[in-house]
N, C-alpha and C. Protein backbone atom coordinates (compact mmCIF):
# COMPACT_ATOMS: atom_id res chain seq x y z
N MET A 1 52.39 -43.46 47.90
CA MET A 1 52.33 -42.01 47.91
C MET A 1 51.62 -41.51 46.72
N ALA A 2 50.98 -40.32 46.96
CA ALA A 2 50.12 -39.79 45.89
C ALA A 2 50.97 -39.21 44.70
N ASP A 3 50.33 -39.23 43.53
CA ASP A 3 51.02 -38.88 42.32
C ASP A 3 50.45 -37.45 41.78
N PHE A 4 51.39 -36.58 41.64
CA PHE A 4 50.97 -35.20 41.15
C PHE A 4 50.17 -35.24 39.83
N LEU A 5 50.72 -36.01 38.82
CA LEU A 5 50.10 -35.92 37.53
C LEU A 5 48.70 -36.42 37.54
N THR A 6 48.36 -37.37 38.37
CA THR A 6 46.94 -37.86 38.47
C THR A 6 46.12 -36.68 38.96
N ALA A 7 46.49 -36.05 40.05
CA ALA A 7 45.72 -34.96 40.57
C ALA A 7 45.54 -33.80 39.62
N PHE A 8 46.77 -33.53 38.99
CA PHE A 8 46.83 -32.44 38.06
C PHE A 8 45.84 -32.58 36.85
N GLN A 9 45.86 -33.81 36.29
CA GLN A 9 44.94 -34.10 35.20
C GLN A 9 43.50 -34.04 35.53
N ILE A 10 43.14 -34.44 36.76
CA ILE A 10 41.77 -34.27 37.17
C ILE A 10 41.37 -32.81 37.34
N THR A 11 42.16 -32.05 38.08
CA THR A 11 41.86 -30.66 38.29
C THR A 11 41.84 -29.83 37.00
N MET A 12 42.72 -30.11 36.06
CA MET A 12 42.82 -29.39 34.77
C MET A 12 41.58 -29.64 33.89
N GLN A 13 40.77 -30.68 34.18
CA GLN A 13 39.54 -30.93 33.42
C GLN A 13 38.55 -29.91 33.77
N THR A 14 38.69 -29.33 34.98
CA THR A 14 37.69 -28.31 35.38
C THR A 14 38.29 -26.89 35.15
N GLU A 15 39.54 -26.74 35.25
CA GLU A 15 40.13 -25.43 35.09
C GLU A 15 40.00 -24.90 33.67
N GLY A 16 39.79 -25.67 32.73
CA GLY A 16 39.50 -25.25 31.37
C GLY A 16 40.71 -24.70 30.67
N GLY A 17 40.43 -23.95 29.63
CA GLY A 17 41.43 -23.42 28.70
C GLY A 17 41.59 -21.90 28.90
N TYR A 18 41.58 -21.18 27.84
CA TYR A 18 41.82 -19.73 27.80
C TYR A 18 40.58 -18.96 28.00
N ASN A 19 40.65 -17.94 28.79
CA ASN A 19 39.59 -16.96 28.94
C ASN A 19 40.26 -15.51 28.78
N PRO A 20 39.86 -14.86 27.70
CA PRO A 20 40.54 -13.51 27.40
C PRO A 20 40.16 -12.48 28.40
N GLY A 21 39.30 -12.79 29.36
CA GLY A 21 38.92 -11.79 30.32
C GLY A 21 37.41 -11.51 30.37
N ASP A 22 36.61 -12.44 29.79
CA ASP A 22 35.22 -12.29 29.76
C ASP A 22 34.62 -12.71 31.10
N GLY A 23 34.18 -11.77 31.88
CA GLY A 23 33.59 -12.06 33.19
C GLY A 23 34.52 -12.17 34.36
N GLU A 24 35.81 -12.21 34.02
CA GLU A 24 36.84 -12.35 35.07
C GLU A 24 38.19 -11.88 34.40
N ALA A 25 39.24 -12.02 35.10
CA ALA A 25 40.53 -11.65 34.63
C ALA A 25 40.97 -12.66 33.52
N GLU A 26 41.94 -12.19 32.68
CA GLU A 26 42.47 -13.13 31.66
C GLU A 26 43.12 -14.30 32.39
N THR A 27 42.71 -15.44 32.00
CA THR A 27 43.21 -16.78 32.61
C THR A 27 43.57 -17.77 31.55
N TYR A 28 44.48 -18.61 31.87
CA TYR A 28 44.76 -19.83 31.14
C TYR A 28 44.91 -20.97 32.09
N MET A 29 44.15 -22.00 31.85
CA MET A 29 44.15 -23.10 32.71
C MET A 29 44.10 -22.83 34.21
N GLY A 30 43.39 -21.80 34.51
CA GLY A 30 43.17 -21.38 35.97
C GLY A 30 44.26 -20.39 36.38
N VAL A 31 45.26 -20.11 35.67
CA VAL A 31 46.23 -19.15 36.00
C VAL A 31 45.75 -17.79 35.66
N ASP A 32 45.46 -16.90 36.58
CA ASP A 32 44.88 -15.61 36.54
C ASP A 32 45.99 -14.60 36.33
N ARG A 33 45.99 -13.87 35.21
CA ARG A 33 47.01 -12.90 34.92
C ARG A 33 47.10 -11.80 35.99
N SER A 34 45.87 -11.44 36.45
CA SER A 34 45.95 -10.27 37.43
C SER A 34 46.64 -10.74 38.79
N GLN A 35 46.54 -11.98 39.05
CA GLN A 35 47.08 -12.57 40.25
C GLN A 35 48.52 -13.06 40.07
N ASN A 36 48.81 -13.41 38.86
CA ASN A 36 50.07 -14.02 38.56
C ASN A 36 50.71 -13.34 37.31
N PRO A 37 51.01 -12.02 37.34
CA PRO A 37 51.41 -11.34 36.18
C PRO A 37 52.83 -11.73 35.67
N ASN A 38 53.65 -12.34 36.57
CA ASN A 38 55.00 -12.71 36.22
C ASN A 38 55.13 -14.18 35.87
N TRP A 39 54.03 -14.90 35.77
CA TRP A 39 54.06 -16.32 35.37
C TRP A 39 54.79 -16.50 34.08
N SER A 40 55.66 -17.45 34.00
CA SER A 40 56.49 -17.62 32.84
C SER A 40 55.76 -18.03 31.58
N GLY A 41 54.47 -18.40 31.66
CA GLY A 41 53.72 -18.81 30.55
C GLY A 41 53.10 -17.65 29.71
N TRP A 42 52.94 -16.43 30.42
CA TRP A 42 52.31 -15.34 29.77
C TRP A 42 53.13 -14.87 28.46
N PRO A 43 54.40 -14.75 28.48
CA PRO A 43 55.07 -14.33 27.19
C PRO A 43 54.76 -15.37 26.03
N THR A 44 54.67 -16.61 26.29
CA THR A 44 54.31 -17.60 25.23
C THR A 44 52.90 -17.36 24.70
N ILE A 45 52.01 -17.12 25.66
CA ILE A 45 50.65 -16.88 25.27
C ILE A 45 50.53 -15.59 24.50
N ASP A 46 51.22 -14.55 24.90
CA ASP A 46 51.20 -13.25 24.12
C ASP A 46 51.77 -13.44 22.74
N GLN A 47 52.85 -14.26 22.63
CA GLN A 47 53.48 -14.48 21.29
C GLN A 47 52.50 -15.23 20.37
N ILE A 48 51.89 -16.20 20.91
CA ILE A 48 50.94 -17.00 20.11
C ILE A 48 49.72 -16.10 19.64
N LYS A 49 49.23 -15.33 20.52
CA LYS A 49 48.08 -14.39 20.22
C LYS A 49 48.50 -13.47 19.17
N ALA A 50 49.77 -12.90 19.28
CA ALA A 50 50.27 -11.86 18.37
C ALA A 50 50.48 -12.50 16.99
N ALA A 51 50.86 -13.75 17.00
CA ALA A 51 51.14 -14.41 15.66
C ALA A 51 49.85 -14.83 15.00
N ASN A 52 48.71 -14.88 15.77
CA ASN A 52 47.44 -15.32 15.19
C ASN A 52 46.37 -14.34 15.49
N PRO A 53 46.45 -13.07 14.88
CA PRO A 53 45.44 -12.03 15.16
C PRO A 53 44.05 -12.50 14.67
N GLY A 54 43.07 -12.29 15.49
CA GLY A 54 41.65 -12.62 15.10
C GLY A 54 41.30 -14.09 15.29
N ALA A 55 42.29 -14.87 15.83
CA ALA A 55 41.98 -16.30 16.15
C ALA A 55 40.89 -16.39 17.21
N THR A 56 40.03 -17.40 16.97
CA THR A 56 38.93 -17.60 18.00
C THR A 56 39.62 -18.24 19.24
N ILE A 57 38.79 -18.17 20.29
CA ILE A 57 39.25 -18.78 21.57
C ILE A 57 39.55 -20.31 21.31
N SER A 58 38.68 -20.99 20.61
CA SER A 58 38.89 -22.38 20.31
C SER A 58 40.19 -22.68 19.54
N ALA A 59 40.51 -21.79 18.62
CA ALA A 59 41.73 -21.90 17.84
C ALA A 59 42.96 -21.62 18.77
N LEU A 60 42.79 -20.62 19.67
CA LEU A 60 43.90 -20.31 20.57
C LEU A 60 44.15 -21.42 21.46
N ASN A 61 43.04 -22.02 21.99
CA ASN A 61 43.22 -23.18 22.90
C ASN A 61 43.96 -24.33 22.30
N LYS A 62 43.70 -24.58 21.02
CA LYS A 62 44.46 -25.63 20.24
C LYS A 62 45.88 -25.28 20.11
N LEU A 63 46.16 -24.06 19.82
CA LEU A 63 47.57 -23.68 19.72
C LEU A 63 48.31 -23.68 21.03
N PHE A 64 47.63 -23.21 22.05
CA PHE A 64 48.29 -23.29 23.42
C PHE A 64 48.51 -24.72 23.83
N ALA A 65 47.49 -25.58 23.57
CA ALA A 65 47.68 -27.00 23.97
C ALA A 65 48.80 -27.71 23.26
N ALA A 66 49.07 -27.23 21.98
CA ALA A 66 50.11 -27.84 21.26
C ALA A 66 51.53 -27.33 21.59
N ASN A 67 51.59 -26.26 22.38
CA ASN A 67 52.89 -25.69 22.74
C ASN A 67 53.46 -26.32 23.91
N HIS A 68 54.47 -27.05 23.69
CA HIS A 68 55.09 -27.92 24.76
C HIS A 68 55.64 -27.04 25.94
N THR A 69 56.28 -25.96 25.54
CA THR A 69 56.81 -25.02 26.55
C THR A 69 55.70 -24.53 27.46
N LEU A 70 54.60 -24.08 26.88
CA LEU A 70 53.49 -23.51 27.63
C LEU A 70 52.92 -24.63 28.54
N GLN A 71 52.75 -25.85 28.03
CA GLN A 71 52.17 -26.91 28.84
C GLN A 71 53.11 -27.32 30.04
N THR A 72 54.37 -27.24 29.78
CA THR A 72 55.41 -27.51 30.83
C THR A 72 55.34 -26.38 31.85
N ASN A 73 55.16 -25.14 31.43
CA ASN A 73 55.02 -24.08 32.43
C ASN A 73 53.80 -24.16 33.28
N ILE A 74 52.71 -24.59 32.74
CA ILE A 74 51.43 -24.80 33.46
C ILE A 74 51.68 -25.91 34.52
N GLN A 75 52.26 -26.93 34.07
CA GLN A 75 52.45 -28.12 34.96
C GLN A 75 53.46 -27.64 36.17
N GLN A 76 54.47 -27.02 35.85
CA GLN A 76 55.46 -26.52 36.91
C GLN A 76 54.80 -25.50 37.79
N PHE A 77 53.96 -24.68 37.29
CA PHE A 77 53.22 -23.68 38.12
C PHE A 77 52.44 -24.40 39.20
N TYR A 78 51.64 -25.41 38.75
CA TYR A 78 50.75 -26.08 39.73
C TYR A 78 51.59 -27.02 40.63
N GLN A 79 52.55 -27.66 40.06
CA GLN A 79 53.31 -28.59 40.90
C GLN A 79 54.08 -27.83 42.02
N SER A 80 54.77 -26.74 41.74
CA SER A 80 55.51 -26.12 42.78
C SER A 80 54.60 -25.31 43.71
N GLY A 81 53.60 -24.65 43.13
CA GLY A 81 52.75 -23.74 43.94
C GLY A 81 51.67 -24.41 44.71
N TYR A 82 51.22 -25.53 44.33
CA TYR A 82 50.01 -26.19 44.98
C TYR A 82 50.32 -27.59 45.45
N TRP A 83 51.17 -28.34 44.74
CA TRP A 83 51.42 -29.71 45.16
C TRP A 83 52.63 -29.82 46.08
N ASP A 84 53.74 -29.35 45.61
CA ASP A 84 54.93 -29.37 46.44
C ASP A 84 54.84 -28.50 47.69
N ALA A 85 54.14 -27.36 47.55
CA ALA A 85 54.02 -26.40 48.65
C ALA A 85 53.31 -27.07 49.87
N TYR A 86 52.41 -28.00 49.56
CA TYR A 86 51.72 -28.65 50.72
C TYR A 86 52.22 -30.08 50.89
N LYS A 87 53.27 -30.47 50.18
CA LYS A 87 53.83 -31.77 50.38
C LYS A 87 52.82 -32.91 50.16
N LEU A 88 51.98 -32.74 49.14
CA LEU A 88 50.92 -33.65 48.92
C LEU A 88 51.37 -35.06 48.43
N SER A 89 52.64 -35.16 48.03
CA SER A 89 53.10 -36.49 47.63
C SER A 89 53.29 -37.38 48.91
N THR A 90 53.24 -36.79 50.08
CA THR A 90 53.36 -37.57 51.32
C THR A 90 51.95 -38.06 51.75
N ILE A 91 50.92 -37.66 51.06
CA ILE A 91 49.62 -38.24 51.38
C ILE A 91 49.52 -39.60 50.75
N THR A 92 49.14 -40.64 51.51
CA THR A 92 49.14 -42.04 51.03
C THR A 92 47.96 -42.38 50.10
N ASP A 93 46.88 -41.70 50.32
CA ASP A 93 45.66 -42.04 49.48
C ASP A 93 45.59 -41.05 48.36
N GLN A 94 45.54 -41.53 47.16
CA GLN A 94 45.50 -40.69 45.95
C GLN A 94 44.24 -39.82 45.88
N GLN A 95 43.13 -40.35 46.24
CA GLN A 95 41.87 -39.61 46.19
C GLN A 95 41.85 -38.41 47.18
N ALA A 96 42.45 -38.66 48.44
CA ALA A 96 42.60 -37.62 49.40
C ALA A 96 43.55 -36.53 48.82
N ALA A 97 44.56 -36.92 48.21
CA ALA A 97 45.47 -35.93 47.66
C ALA A 97 44.83 -35.20 46.50
N ASN A 98 44.07 -35.92 45.71
CA ASN A 98 43.39 -35.25 44.56
C ASN A 98 42.43 -34.15 45.08
N ALA A 99 41.71 -34.43 46.18
CA ALA A 99 40.68 -33.48 46.72
C ALA A 99 41.50 -32.29 47.29
N MET A 100 42.63 -32.61 48.05
CA MET A 100 43.31 -31.58 48.63
C MET A 100 43.96 -30.61 47.60
N PHE A 101 44.58 -31.15 46.55
CA PHE A 101 45.14 -30.41 45.50
C PHE A 101 44.04 -29.53 44.80
N ASP A 102 42.94 -30.08 44.54
CA ASP A 102 41.85 -29.30 43.80
C ASP A 102 41.40 -28.16 44.71
N CYS A 103 41.32 -28.39 46.01
CA CYS A 103 40.86 -27.35 46.88
C CYS A 103 41.87 -26.25 47.05
N ALA A 104 43.18 -26.71 46.93
CA ALA A 104 44.24 -25.68 47.03
C ALA A 104 44.17 -24.78 45.79
N VAL A 105 43.84 -25.38 44.65
CA VAL A 105 43.77 -24.59 43.41
C VAL A 105 42.48 -23.78 43.37
N ASN A 106 41.38 -24.32 43.81
CA ASN A 106 40.13 -23.62 43.84
C ASN A 106 39.53 -23.67 45.27
N PRO A 107 40.04 -22.72 46.08
CA PRO A 107 39.56 -22.77 47.50
C PRO A 107 38.10 -22.25 47.66
N CYS A 108 37.49 -22.67 48.72
CA CYS A 108 36.20 -22.10 49.03
C CYS A 108 36.43 -20.95 49.87
N LEU A 109 35.56 -20.66 50.83
CA LEU A 109 35.82 -19.48 51.65
C LEU A 109 37.03 -19.61 52.58
N ILE A 110 37.32 -20.81 52.90
CA ILE A 110 38.53 -21.03 53.76
C ILE A 110 39.55 -21.87 52.94
N SER A 111 40.81 -21.75 53.32
CA SER A 111 41.82 -22.38 52.51
C SER A 111 41.82 -23.93 52.71
N MET A 112 42.56 -24.62 51.80
CA MET A 112 42.61 -26.07 51.84
C MET A 112 43.20 -26.54 53.24
N ASP A 113 44.10 -25.79 53.76
CA ASP A 113 44.73 -26.18 55.10
C ASP A 113 43.63 -26.33 56.21
N TYR A 114 42.78 -25.31 56.26
CA TYR A 114 41.71 -25.34 57.29
C TYR A 114 40.72 -26.49 57.00
N VAL A 115 40.37 -26.60 55.69
CA VAL A 115 39.42 -27.66 55.31
C VAL A 115 39.94 -29.02 55.73
N ALA A 116 41.27 -29.29 55.52
CA ALA A 116 41.80 -30.58 55.81
C ALA A 116 41.84 -30.81 57.29
N GLN A 117 42.20 -29.78 58.10
CA GLN A 117 42.29 -29.93 59.57
C GLN A 117 40.84 -30.10 60.08
N MET A 118 39.86 -29.38 59.59
CA MET A 118 38.45 -29.55 60.00
C MET A 118 37.94 -30.97 59.63
N ALA A 119 38.39 -31.43 58.47
CA ALA A 119 37.93 -32.83 58.10
C ALA A 119 38.57 -33.88 59.04
N CYS A 120 39.78 -33.66 59.38
CA CYS A 120 40.44 -34.55 60.34
C CYS A 120 39.61 -34.62 61.65
N ASN A 121 39.23 -33.50 62.15
CA ASN A 121 38.54 -33.38 63.35
C ASN A 121 37.10 -33.88 63.29
N THR A 122 36.53 -33.82 62.09
CA THR A 122 35.19 -34.40 61.85
C THR A 122 35.22 -35.87 61.93
N VAL A 123 36.32 -36.47 61.35
CA VAL A 123 36.40 -37.97 61.43
C VAL A 123 36.87 -38.51 62.78
N GLN A 124 37.77 -37.77 63.40
CA GLN A 124 38.36 -38.11 64.68
C GLN A 124 38.35 -36.85 65.56
N HIS A 125 37.49 -36.87 66.57
CA HIS A 125 37.33 -35.74 67.44
C HIS A 125 38.67 -35.17 67.96
N ASN A 126 38.94 -33.89 67.79
CA ASN A 126 40.13 -33.22 68.33
C ASN A 126 41.41 -33.89 67.83
N ALA A 127 41.43 -34.37 66.64
CA ALA A 127 42.67 -35.03 66.12
C ALA A 127 43.84 -34.12 65.93
N VAL A 128 43.56 -32.92 65.46
CA VAL A 128 44.61 -31.90 65.14
C VAL A 128 44.12 -30.45 65.56
N GLY A 129 45.03 -29.58 65.78
CA GLY A 129 44.73 -28.24 65.96
C GLY A 129 44.34 -27.65 64.59
N VAL A 130 43.41 -26.59 64.60
CA VAL A 130 43.03 -25.94 63.36
C VAL A 130 43.74 -24.59 63.36
N ASP A 131 44.90 -24.67 62.71
CA ASP A 131 45.75 -23.39 62.65
C ASP A 131 46.06 -22.97 61.20
N GLY A 132 45.40 -23.74 60.23
CA GLY A 132 45.67 -23.33 58.84
C GLY A 132 47.01 -23.69 58.29
N GLN A 133 47.75 -24.57 58.96
CA GLN A 133 49.12 -24.93 58.55
C GLN A 133 49.24 -26.47 58.38
N ILE A 134 49.38 -26.86 57.12
CA ILE A 134 49.44 -28.38 56.93
C ILE A 134 50.92 -28.73 57.22
N GLY A 135 51.09 -29.36 58.38
CA GLY A 135 52.42 -29.81 58.79
C GLY A 135 52.42 -31.34 58.99
N LYS A 136 53.51 -31.82 59.49
CA LYS A 136 53.72 -33.22 59.70
C LYS A 136 52.57 -33.82 60.45
N LEU A 137 52.09 -33.18 61.53
CA LEU A 137 50.97 -33.75 62.33
C LEU A 137 49.69 -33.90 61.53
N THR A 138 49.35 -32.87 60.78
CA THR A 138 48.09 -32.88 60.05
C THR A 138 48.28 -34.01 58.92
N ARG A 139 49.41 -34.01 58.21
CA ARG A 139 49.59 -35.09 57.14
C ARG A 139 49.50 -36.40 57.78
N GLY A 140 50.12 -36.61 59.02
CA GLY A 140 50.12 -37.87 59.63
C GLY A 140 48.64 -38.35 59.97
N CYS A 141 47.93 -37.35 60.48
CA CYS A 141 46.57 -37.66 60.78
C CYS A 141 45.71 -38.03 59.55
N ILE A 142 45.89 -37.27 58.48
CA ILE A 142 45.19 -37.62 57.22
C ILE A 142 45.48 -38.99 56.85
N ASN A 143 46.79 -39.40 56.85
CA ASN A 143 47.18 -40.70 56.46
C ASN A 143 46.78 -41.84 57.37
N SER A 144 46.41 -41.44 58.62
CA SER A 144 45.98 -42.51 59.58
C SER A 144 44.47 -42.73 59.56
N LEU A 145 43.76 -41.83 58.98
CA LEU A 145 42.27 -41.96 58.98
C LEU A 145 41.80 -42.84 57.75
N PRO A 146 40.59 -43.40 57.91
CA PRO A 146 40.08 -44.14 56.74
C PRO A 146 39.87 -43.06 55.62
N ALA A 147 40.52 -43.32 54.54
CA ALA A 147 40.52 -42.29 53.40
C ALA A 147 39.15 -41.93 52.96
N ASN A 148 38.21 -42.91 52.89
CA ASN A 148 36.84 -42.57 52.38
C ASN A 148 36.15 -41.62 53.37
N LEU A 149 36.38 -41.75 54.64
CA LEU A 149 35.77 -40.82 55.56
C LEU A 149 36.40 -39.48 55.57
N PHE A 150 37.75 -39.40 55.39
CA PHE A 150 38.37 -38.13 55.32
C PHE A 150 37.94 -37.35 54.05
N VAL A 151 37.93 -38.02 52.92
CA VAL A 151 37.49 -37.37 51.70
C VAL A 151 36.04 -36.86 51.79
N THR A 152 35.18 -37.73 52.35
CA THR A 152 33.80 -37.34 52.54
C THR A 152 33.61 -36.15 53.35
N ALA A 153 34.28 -36.11 54.47
CA ALA A 153 34.25 -34.91 55.39
C ALA A 153 34.87 -33.74 54.68
N PHE A 154 35.98 -33.91 54.04
CA PHE A 154 36.75 -32.85 53.37
C PHE A 154 35.76 -32.14 52.31
N ASN A 155 35.16 -33.03 51.48
CA ASN A 155 34.30 -32.45 50.44
C ASN A 155 33.01 -31.88 51.00
N GLY A 156 32.52 -32.48 52.11
CA GLY A 156 31.34 -31.88 52.75
C GLY A 156 31.52 -30.44 53.27
N ILE A 157 32.76 -30.27 53.72
CA ILE A 157 33.11 -28.92 54.23
C ILE A 157 33.30 -27.98 53.05
N ARG A 158 33.91 -28.50 51.95
CA ARG A 158 33.95 -27.66 50.72
C ARG A 158 32.63 -27.26 50.19
N VAL A 159 31.68 -28.17 50.08
CA VAL A 159 30.38 -27.97 49.65
C VAL A 159 29.63 -26.91 50.43
N ALA A 160 29.67 -27.00 51.77
CA ALA A 160 29.06 -26.03 52.68
C ALA A 160 29.68 -24.66 52.45
N ASN A 161 30.92 -24.57 52.28
CA ASN A 161 31.69 -23.30 52.06
C ASN A 161 31.29 -22.69 50.65
N TYR A 162 31.22 -23.48 49.64
CA TYR A 162 30.87 -22.99 48.33
C TYR A 162 29.40 -22.35 48.38
N TYR A 163 28.47 -23.01 49.12
CA TYR A 163 27.17 -22.45 49.22
C TYR A 163 27.15 -21.15 50.04
N GLU A 164 28.02 -21.17 51.06
CA GLU A 164 28.18 -19.90 51.86
C GLU A 164 28.74 -18.77 50.97
N ARG A 165 29.68 -19.15 50.11
CA ARG A 165 30.34 -18.10 49.28
C ARG A 165 29.29 -17.51 48.29
N VAL A 166 28.37 -18.40 47.78
CA VAL A 166 27.27 -17.87 46.93
C VAL A 166 26.38 -16.99 47.74
N LYS A 167 26.02 -17.40 48.92
CA LYS A 167 25.17 -16.64 49.77
C LYS A 167 25.72 -15.25 50.18
N LEU A 168 27.05 -15.16 50.26
CA LEU A 168 27.69 -13.90 50.52
C LEU A 168 27.90 -13.03 49.26
N ASN A 169 27.97 -13.75 48.09
CA ASN A 169 28.14 -13.04 46.84
C ASN A 169 27.33 -13.73 45.81
N PRO A 170 26.02 -13.38 45.64
CA PRO A 170 25.10 -14.06 44.80
C PRO A 170 25.56 -14.18 43.31
N THR A 171 26.42 -13.22 42.89
CA THR A 171 26.88 -13.37 41.47
C THR A 171 27.82 -14.55 41.26
N ASP A 172 28.28 -15.15 42.26
CA ASP A 172 29.17 -16.30 42.23
C ASP A 172 28.30 -17.59 41.86
N LYS A 173 26.95 -17.44 41.95
CA LYS A 173 26.12 -18.60 41.63
C LYS A 173 26.38 -19.26 40.30
N GLN A 174 26.90 -18.46 39.33
CA GLN A 174 27.20 -18.97 38.01
C GLN A 174 28.28 -20.02 38.09
N TRP A 175 29.14 -19.99 39.16
CA TRP A 175 30.17 -20.95 39.29
C TRP A 175 29.83 -22.18 40.16
N LEU A 176 28.72 -22.14 40.85
CA LEU A 176 28.41 -23.11 41.85
C LEU A 176 28.39 -24.55 41.36
N SER A 177 27.74 -24.78 40.17
CA SER A 177 27.63 -26.09 39.71
C SER A 177 29.02 -26.68 39.37
N SER A 178 29.87 -25.88 38.87
CA SER A 178 31.27 -26.26 38.55
C SER A 178 32.05 -26.57 39.89
N TRP A 179 31.82 -25.72 40.91
CA TRP A 179 32.54 -25.90 42.14
C TRP A 179 32.05 -27.26 42.83
N LEU A 180 30.78 -27.49 42.83
CA LEU A 180 30.20 -28.69 43.39
C LEU A 180 30.75 -29.88 42.69
N GLY A 181 30.80 -29.77 41.31
CA GLY A 181 31.34 -30.90 40.51
C GLY A 181 32.79 -31.29 40.82
N ARG A 182 33.54 -30.43 41.46
CA ARG A 182 34.87 -30.75 41.86
C ARG A 182 34.96 -31.55 43.06
N CYS A 183 33.86 -31.61 43.79
CA CYS A 183 33.88 -32.41 45.13
C CYS A 183 33.48 -33.87 44.80
N LYS A 184 34.43 -34.66 44.43
CA LYS A 184 34.24 -35.99 43.88
C LYS A 184 33.91 -36.97 45.05
N VAL A 185 32.98 -37.86 44.82
CA VAL A 185 32.72 -38.91 45.81
C VAL A 185 33.85 -39.91 45.80
N TYR A 186 34.11 -40.39 46.95
CA TYR A 186 35.20 -41.37 47.18
C TYR A 186 34.85 -42.68 46.47
N VAL A 187 35.76 -43.22 45.63
CA VAL A 187 35.48 -44.45 44.95
C VAL A 187 36.45 -45.51 45.55
N GLY A 188 35.87 -46.39 46.26
CA GLY A 188 36.67 -47.39 47.02
C GLY A 188 36.77 -48.72 46.49
């Protein structure tokens, strides 16, 4: 069964650190304050910022990274909201679970649910219905397919959707390289 910490560590390499709101909403490790104003980590971040007026972003990132409570909050946020919510620990291939988790955290135009179901049907014609709900049938299908084929199809759909997202909103081009870098080649 897939391991949350492995997927979490991979995704957090891309999610980065603290952004005070330059070019987007205030975020820390991908948690957007405008979308998650009640996240339990914001009070800790606010306390650290208040205690260190004038600190650079680099200095704040070091302080945030050293705060055990904040790091626990980040991990719990992603585990409950993105890993457990989709029951990704039931996926037998770690690389498939890594890709699914990363897509749940950073979706393209369509949600991870749809991408996974479309990938199943790409590998095995009409394998599952495409209803945007990852249930027992979809997870069973994912686990029954050759993992390298599923991940390749899954990431292919992500790539196409990221390009479409940029086509619809050209200002998103600044993120395209990062998004494409998240679509890891299957290593078998």
